[in-house]
Protein backbone atom coordinates (compact mmCIF):
# COMPACT_ATOMS: atom_id res chain seq x y z
CA MET A 1 -26.59 -18.21 -12.97
CA PRO A 2 -23.63 -16.00 -13.77
CA LEU A 3 -21.71 -13.96 -11.45
CA GLN A 4 -23.19 -10.86 -10.33
CA ILE A 5 -21.38 -7.70 -8.57
CA VAL A 6 -22.68 -4.98 -6.34
CA PHE A 7 -20.96 -2.07 -4.32
CA LYS A 8 -21.44 0.56 -1.95
CA PRO A 9 -19.55 3.29 -0.29
CA HIS A 10 -17.84 3.13 2.99
CA LEU A 11 -16.70 6.42 4.51
CA LEU A 12 -13.70 5.49 6.81
CA GLN A 13 -13.14 8.01 9.63
CA PHE A 14 -9.36 8.40 10.70
CA LYS A 15 -8.92 8.28 14.61
CA THR A 16 -6.55 11.29 14.33
CA GLU A 17 -5.50 13.56 11.42
CA ALA A 18 -3.00 11.79 8.99
CA GLY A 19 -0.62 14.33 7.76
CA THR A 20 1.41 13.83 4.46
CA SER A 21 3.10 16.60 2.31
CA ARG A 22 0.17 16.62 0.10
CA GLY A 23 -2.11 17.61 3.09
CA VAL A 24 -4.14 16.26 5.97
CA LEU A 25 -6.53 13.43 5.90
CA THR A 26 -9.49 12.99 8.23
CA GLN A 27 -11.62 10.63 6.18
CA LYS A 28 -11.36 8.58 3.19
CA THR A 29 -14.17 6.80 0.96
CA SER A 30 -13.66 3.08 0.02
CA TRP A 31 -16.14 1.35 -2.24
CA ILE A 32 -17.05 -2.11 -1.03
CA LEU A 33 -17.48 -4.76 -3.83
CA LYS A 34 -19.78 -8.10 -3.24
CA ILE A 35 -19.74 -10.81 -5.88
CA THR A 36 -22.19 -13.70 -5.61
CA ASP A 37 -23.64 -16.50 -7.71
CA SER A 38 -27.17 -17.79 -6.87
CA GLU A 39 -26.06 -21.16 -7.63
CA GLN A 40 -23.52 -21.06 -4.73
CA PRO A 41 -25.76 -19.56 -1.98
CA GLY A 42 -23.82 -18.11 1.13
CA VAL A 43 -20.71 -17.64 -0.90
CA VAL A 44 -19.65 -14.00 -1.13
CA GLY A 45 -16.50 -12.69 -2.45
CA TYR A 46 -15.64 -9.10 -1.06
CA GLY A 47 -13.39 -6.47 -2.66
CA GLU A 48 -12.40 -2.81 -1.88
CA CYS A 49 -11.61 -0.02 -4.45
CA GLY A 50 -10.11 2.80 -2.61
CA PRO A 51 -8.51 5.64 -4.61
CA LEU A 52 -6.20 7.81 -2.66
CA PRO A 53 -7.20 11.46 -2.93
CA GLY A 54 -4.48 13.55 -4.97
CA LEU A 55 -2.48 10.34 -5.79
CA SER A 56 -4.36 7.56 -7.55
CA ILE A 57 -5.06 8.15 -11.12
CA ASP A 58 -8.52 7.15 -10.80
CA ASP A 59 -9.18 9.91 -8.10
CA ILE A 60 -11.68 11.60 -10.47
CA PRO A 61 -14.94 13.25 -10.06
CA ASP A 62 -16.96 10.66 -11.99
CA PHE A 63 -15.53 7.60 -10.18
CA LYS A 64 -18.69 6.22 -9.14
CA GLU A 65 -20.31 6.44 -12.57
CA GLN A 66 -17.26 4.71 -13.98
CA LEU A 67 -17.39 2.11 -11.31
CA THR A 68 -21.22 1.63 -12.07
CA SER A 69 -20.23 1.34 -15.68
CA VAL A 70 -17.79 -1.52 -15.12
CA CYS A 71 -20.27 -3.39 -12.85
CA GLU A 72 -22.98 -3.18 -15.24
CA LEU A 73 -20.71 -4.76 -17.92
CA PHE A 74 -19.53 -7.47 -15.39
CA ASN A 75 -23.08 -8.29 -14.89
CA SER A 76 -24.17 -8.60 -18.50
CA LEU A 77 -21.43 -10.92 -19.48
CA ASP A 78 -22.43 -14.22 -18.01
CA LEU A 79 -19.14 -14.67 -16.31
CA GLU A 80 -17.72 -17.51 -14.55
CA VAL A 81 -14.21 -17.20 -13.21
CA TYR A 82 -11.22 -19.82 -12.67
CA PRO A 83 -7.70 -19.26 -11.96
CA PHE A 84 -7.04 -19.62 -15.78
CA ASN A 85 -9.19 -16.76 -16.96
CA LEU A 86 -8.94 -14.35 -14.11
CA ALA A 87 -6.38 -12.13 -15.74
CA ILE A 88 -8.23 -12.37 -19.05
CA ILE A 89 -11.56 -10.96 -17.23
CA LEU A 90 -9.58 -8.18 -15.57
CA GLU A 91 -7.82 -7.21 -18.80
CA GLN A 92 -11.00 -7.09 -20.94
CA LEU A 93 -13.51 -5.62 -18.23
CA VAL A 94 -11.54 -2.96 -16.52
CA PRO A 95 -9.75 0.33 -18.27
CA GLU A 96 -6.12 0.91 -17.39
CA HIS A 97 -7.24 4.12 -16.07
CA LEU A 98 -9.17 2.56 -13.12
CA PRO A 99 -6.40 0.56 -11.39
CA SER A 100 -8.23 0.46 -7.82
CA VAL A 101 -11.49 -0.95 -9.49
CA ARG A 102 -9.30 -3.59 -11.12
CA PHE A 103 -7.52 -4.19 -7.89
CA GLY A 104 -11.09 -4.41 -6.12
CA ILE A 105 -12.69 -6.86 -8.51
CA GLU A 106 -9.62 -8.90 -8.66
CA MET A 107 -9.66 -9.28 -4.88
CA ALA A 108 -13.37 -10.10 -4.81
CA LEU A 109 -12.91 -12.84 -7.42
CA LEU A 110 -9.89 -14.35 -5.77
CA ASP A 111 -12.27 -14.22 -2.54
CA PHE A 112 -15.11 -15.81 -4.30
CA MET A 113 -12.96 -18.62 -5.97
CA SER A 114 -11.48 -19.51 -2.32
CA GLY A 115 -15.15 -20.01 -1.20
CA GLY A 116 -15.81 -16.48 0.37
CA ARG A 117 -13.80 -17.24 3.53
CA ARG A 118 -11.43 -14.10 3.19
CA VAL A 119 -8.54 -16.55 2.66
CA LEU A 120 -7.37 -15.55 -0.90
CA TYR A 121 -3.97 -17.18 -0.76
CA LYS A 122 -3.11 -20.09 1.71
CA ASN A 123 0.15 -19.50 3.32
CA PRO A 124 1.81 -19.37 6.79
CA PHE A 125 0.19 -15.88 7.49
CA SER A 126 -3.36 -16.71 6.45
CA CYS A 127 -2.97 -20.12 8.40
CA ALA A 128 -2.20 -18.06 11.52
CA GLU A 129 1.16 -19.65 11.68
CA LYS A 130 3.65 -16.77 10.91
CA GLY A 131 3.47 -13.02 11.24
CA ILE A 132 4.66 -10.39 8.58
CA LEU A 133 7.23 -7.90 9.97
CA MET A 134 6.23 -4.19 9.66
CA ASN A 135 7.44 -0.78 9.90
CA GLY A 136 5.57 1.71 12.26
CA LEU A 137 4.50 4.67 10.56
CA ILE A 138 4.92 8.22 11.91
CA TRP A 139 2.49 10.60 10.30
CA MET A 140 3.39 14.24 9.79
CA GLY A 141 2.24 16.50 12.56
CA SER A 142 3.67 18.93 15.09
CA TYR A 143 7.07 18.25 16.56
CA GLU A 144 5.60 17.14 19.75
CA ASN A 145 2.75 15.06 18.07
CA MET A 146 5.43 13.25 16.07
CA LEU A 147 7.67 12.28 18.98
CA GLU A 148 4.43 11.11 20.84
CA GLN A 149 3.94 8.75 17.65
CA VAL A 150 7.61 7.61 17.89
CA GLU A 151 7.10 6.63 21.61
CA HIS A 152 3.83 4.75 20.92
CA LYS A 153 5.38 2.82 17.92
CA LEU A 154 8.47 1.76 20.06
CA ALA A 155 6.00 0.70 23.02
CA GLN A 156 4.13 -1.60 20.49
CA GLY A 157 7.30 -3.36 19.70
CA PHE A 158 8.16 -1.98 16.09
CA SER A 159 12.02 -2.15 15.27
CA THR A 160 11.69 -0.14 11.93
CA LEU A 161 10.10 3.18 11.90
CA LYS A 162 9.09 5.19 8.95
CA MET A 163 8.60 8.80 9.20
CA LYS A 164 6.77 11.13 6.97
CA VAL A 165 9.11 14.24 5.98
CA GLY A 166 8.63 17.44 4.00
CA ALA A 167 5.69 19.16 5.72
CA ILE A 168 6.81 20.67 8.87
CA ASP A 169 10.22 22.54 9.35
CA PHE A 170 12.90 20.53 8.00
CA GLU A 171 15.08 21.18 11.10
CA LYS A 172 12.46 19.93 13.45
CA GLU A 173 12.29 16.89 11.34
CA LEU A 174 15.98 16.31 11.76
CA ARG A 175 15.58 17.05 15.44
CA ILE A 176 13.10 13.95 15.75
CA LEU A 177 15.37 11.47 13.96
CA GLU A 178 18.16 12.74 16.19
CA SER A 179 16.32 12.02 19.29
CA ILE A 180 15.65 8.53 18.00
CA ARG A 181 19.31 7.80 17.12
CA GLU A 182 20.54 9.26 20.44
CA ARG A 183 18.53 6.42 22.13
CA PHE A 184 18.75 3.89 19.52
CA PRO A 185 21.58 2.94 17.13
CA ALA A 186 20.79 1.59 13.65
CA LYS A 187 21.59 -2.11 14.89
CA ASP A 188 18.33 -1.60 17.17
CA ILE A 189 16.05 0.57 15.41
CA THR A 190 15.76 0.88 11.57
CA LEU A 191 14.60 4.36 10.23
CA ARG A 192 13.23 4.96 6.97
CA VAL A 193 11.68 8.34 5.90
CA ASP A 194 9.18 9.29 3.01
CA ALA A 195 9.11 12.71 1.47
CA ASN A 196 6.14 11.94 -0.80
CA GLY A 197 8.02 13.89 -3.45
CA ALA A 198 8.32 16.97 -1.47
CA PHE A 199 11.96 18.11 -1.93
CA HIS A 200 12.73 20.60 -4.85
CA ALA A 201 15.47 19.68 -7.29
CA ASP A 202 17.80 22.50 -6.15
CA GLU A 203 17.81 21.34 -2.45
CA ALA A 204 17.57 17.55 -2.73
CA ASP A 205 21.31 16.84 -2.54
CA GLU A 206 21.56 19.00 0.56
CA LYS A 207 18.63 17.67 2.35
CA LEU A 208 19.76 13.93 1.76
CA LYS A 209 23.35 14.88 3.11
CA SER A 210 21.61 16.01 6.32
CA LEU A 211 19.34 13.08 6.47
CA ALA A 212 22.39 10.68 6.04
CA VAL A 213 23.81 11.59 9.35
CA TYR A 214 20.95 9.53 11.09
CA ASP A 215 22.10 6.28 9.48
CA LEU A 216 18.64 5.87 7.46
CA HIS A 217 17.58 2.67 5.63
CA SER A 218 16.06 4.61 2.82
CA ILE A 219 14.17 7.64 1.67
CA GLU A 220 10.98 7.13 -0.50
CA GLN A 221 10.29 9.37 -3.43
CA PRO A 222 12.51 12.29 -2.42
CA VAL A 223 11.41 14.33 -5.50
CA LYS A 224 8.30 14.44 -7.44
CA ALA A 225 7.62 11.68 -9.87
CA GLY A 226 8.26 12.12 -13.71
CA GLN A 227 11.65 13.70 -13.45
CA HIS A 228 13.63 10.37 -14.48
CA GLU A 229 16.92 11.99 -15.19
CA LEU A 230 17.03 13.76 -11.64
CA MET A 231 15.68 10.57 -9.95
CA SER A 232 18.29 8.65 -11.73
CA GLN A 233 20.98 10.71 -10.60
CA LEU A 234 19.81 10.88 -7.07
CA CYS A 235 19.74 7.17 -6.87
CA ALA A 236 23.34 6.97 -8.18
CA THR A 237 24.67 9.65 -5.76
CA SER A 238 22.38 9.76 -2.78
CA PRO A 239 24.14 8.93 0.53
CA VAL A 240 20.61 7.63 1.64
CA PRO A 241 19.24 4.65 -0.41
CA VAL A 242 16.33 5.75 -2.52
CA ALA A 243 12.96 3.95 -2.83
CA LEU A 244 10.54 4.61 -5.92
CA ASP A 245 6.97 5.03 -4.92
CA GLU A 246 4.81 7.46 -6.88
CA GLU A 247 7.16 7.02 -9.68
CA LEU A 248 5.33 3.68 -10.33
CA ILE A 249 1.76 4.83 -10.50
CA GLY A 250 -0.08 5.02 -13.95
CA ILE A 251 2.36 2.53 -15.79
CA PHE A 252 0.74 -0.59 -16.68
CA ASP A 253 2.68 -1.83 -19.89
CA TYR A 254 5.48 -4.38 -19.11
CA ARG A 255 8.11 -2.98 -21.51
CA LYS A 256 7.43 0.62 -19.88
CA LYS A 257 7.88 -0.73 -16.22
CA PHE A 258 11.18 -2.54 -17.18
CA ALA A 259 12.44 0.53 -19.05
CA LEU A 260 11.70 2.68 -15.95
CA LEU A 261 13.57 0.57 -13.52
CA LYS A 262 16.50 -0.22 -15.88
CA LYS A 263 17.01 3.81 -16.40
CA ILE A 264 16.54 4.91 -12.70
CA GLN A 265 18.20 1.81 -11.18
CA PRO A 266 16.82 2.60 -7.70
CA PRO A 267 18.05 0.36 -4.73
CA PHE A 268 14.38 -0.10 -3.72
CA ILE A 269 10.83 0.18 -5.01
CA ILE A 270 7.52 0.15 -3.06
CA LEU A 271 4.35 -1.58 -4.23
CA LYS A 272 0.88 -0.44 -3.43
CA PRO A 273 -1.62 -2.75 -5.33
CA THR A 274 -4.43 -0.27 -5.06
CA LEU A 275 -2.39 2.28 -7.09
CA LEU A 276 -0.74 -0.11 -9.44
CA GLY A 277 -3.95 -2.06 -10.71
CA GLY A 278 -3.92 -5.05 -8.51
CA PHE A 279 -1.88 -8.27 -7.94
CA GLN A 280 -1.34 -9.25 -11.51
CA HIS A 281 0.59 -5.87 -12.11
CA THR A 282 2.13 -6.07 -8.70
CA MET A 283 3.67 -9.56 -9.82
CA GLU A 284 4.95 -7.97 -12.94
CA TRP A 285 6.93 -5.22 -10.79
CA ILE A 286 8.38 -7.92 -8.53
CA GLU A 287 9.49 -10.01 -11.51
CA ILE A 288 11.48 -6.84 -13.07
CA ALA A 289 12.72 -5.78 -9.75
CA ASN A 290 14.10 -9.40 -9.03
CA ARG A 291 15.65 -9.58 -12.42
CA LEU A 292 17.22 -6.20 -12.00
CA LYS A 293 18.40 -6.73 -8.66
CA ILE A 294 16.29 -4.30 -6.86
CA SER A 295 14.69 -4.82 -3.53
CA TRP A 296 11.07 -4.20 -2.77
CA TRP A 297 8.38 -4.23 -0.23
CA ILE A 298 4.67 -3.87 -0.06
CA THR A 299 2.53 -1.08 1.51
CA SER A 300 -0.94 -0.76 1.98
CA ALA A 301 -2.89 2.44 0.63
CA LEU A 302 -5.08 3.40 3.58
CA GLU A 303 -7.36 0.47 2.72
CA SER A 304 -9.90 -0.84 5.25
CA ASN A 305 -9.26 -4.25 6.68
CA ILE A 306 -10.80 -5.85 3.56
CA GLY A 307 -8.14 -4.70 1.40
CA LEU A 308 -5.38 -4.87 4.06
CA ASN A 309 -6.28 -8.37 4.40
CA ALA A 310 -5.81 -9.36 0.57
CA ILE A 311 -2.56 -7.35 0.45
CA ALA A 312 -0.96 -8.96 3.55
CA GLN A 313 -1.90 -12.52 2.17
CA PHE A 314 -0.35 -11.58 -1.13
CA THR A 315 2.74 -10.27 0.55
CA ALA A 316 3.12 -13.33 2.54
CA ASN A 317 3.36 -15.47 -0.55
CA TYR A 318 6.93 -14.06 -1.13
CA ASN A 319 8.51 -14.40 2.36
CA ASN A 320 10.15 -11.11 1.90
CA PRO A 321 12.46 -10.25 4.72
CA LEU A 322 12.25 -6.73 4.80
CA PRO A 323 9.49 -4.87 7.07
CA GLN A 324 6.35 -4.22 5.21
CA GLY A 325 4.08 -1.24 5.22
CA LEU A 326 0.73 -2.79 6.27
CA GLY A 327 -0.43 -0.72 9.47
CA THR A 328 -3.56 0.81 7.90
CA GLY A 329 -5.84 -1.22 10.04
CA GLN A 330 -5.47 0.80 13.23
CA LEU A 331 -6.10 4.05 11.45
CA TYR A 332 -9.98 4.10 11.65
CA THR A 333 -12.66 4.45 14.17
CA ASN A 334 -15.17 2.49 11.85
CA ASN A 335 -13.05 -0.43 10.16
CA PHE A 336 -14.37 -3.60 9.52
CA THR A 337 -13.63 -6.10 12.37
CA SER A 338 -11.17 -8.82 11.44
CA PRO A 339 -8.99 -11.63 12.69
CA MET A 340 -5.72 -9.36 12.03
CA ALA A 341 -3.86 -7.66 15.00
CA ILE A 342 -0.56 -6.16 15.56
CA VAL A 343 1.77 -8.13 17.92
CA ASP A 344 5.15 -6.93 18.70
CA GLY A 345 5.69 -5.23 15.32
CA GLU A 346 4.08 -7.96 13.19
CA LEU A 347 0.95 -8.26 11.61
CA ILE A 348 -0.68 -11.48 12.81
CA TYR A 349 -3.83 -13.33 11.27
CA GLY A 350 -6.31 -15.33 13.39
CA GLN A 351 -5.86 -13.28 16.62
CA ALA A 352 -8.31 -10.66 16.69
CA GLY A 353 -11.77 -12.48 16.24
CA GLU A 354 -14.10 -12.92 13.36
CA TRP A 355 -14.80 -10.92 10.34
CA GLY A 356 -17.54 -8.32 10.66
CA ILE A 357 -18.85 -7.09 7.14
CA ASN A 358 -22.35 -6.02 7.26
CA TYR A 359 -23.09 -5.80 3.58
């Protein structure tokens, strides 16, 4: 029998409000995919499609209908999957405007091919031999709330903190950074900030100068995506190294990826497989970045533990020394149980128990 795919929604509930410059999140829907083959009973490949509200290009009103259409096509094609035809299946099956669907199906097929054990890539992380260094994420909130988050992340052993900026009063955000730097110099605690495109063109230079006082590692997406001349100028002149994030969303052609990075020449890029169209596209970004001497790290995009596990295992293939952004597993009250845990600022596999996916 050919492969068959089904899906259902899973409404993830945040433990606390997650604030960004685009608004506050309290819940998020992920669509959980399941791939089976009646000739291989007991083997189930799981994937996750999780468009980010207000950011993913497939955050669209008829997402369920379009996902249904792709799954119906999948089920009609008498498919068998192997490493050599995986990319062909994805290319022909999923339209470019549904990157999270492509990622979810890719993840589920990789899981199925590995025997349905949630081990998509065999490496020191998935073999429980080595953790992945992470940054601790500080969400936007009140001044007091953000200071409280900082203390919590430091207590968890994180040596790199990433703080969302651009929503509360800028002077208060600077005070939070100042309070960290008064206690911890850059050699002890690395600080990243993420503006999510919140700075206006006429204020970006001054705000970047104000931030530079605190010896920051980088700032993600200081201005809105699509302003390539402005972003190129900021990357060349900013006293805080710039990392592109939203700038990469919606670009799937290899030549366009190369042209973008060559034009802007950012010090860093940040890769979210859910938003970029999966691992095949993420690998292209990495290859281009390496050619252009651009550093990179990988970040989850509010996936459940199903998606986070796949992204973490993919990330571990590269042995990238920079702290990664893989902390979404702790955000939800109703996440799927998994073998992943955070220990001393690292994501560890094989420590927290068995998988619990009731689907």
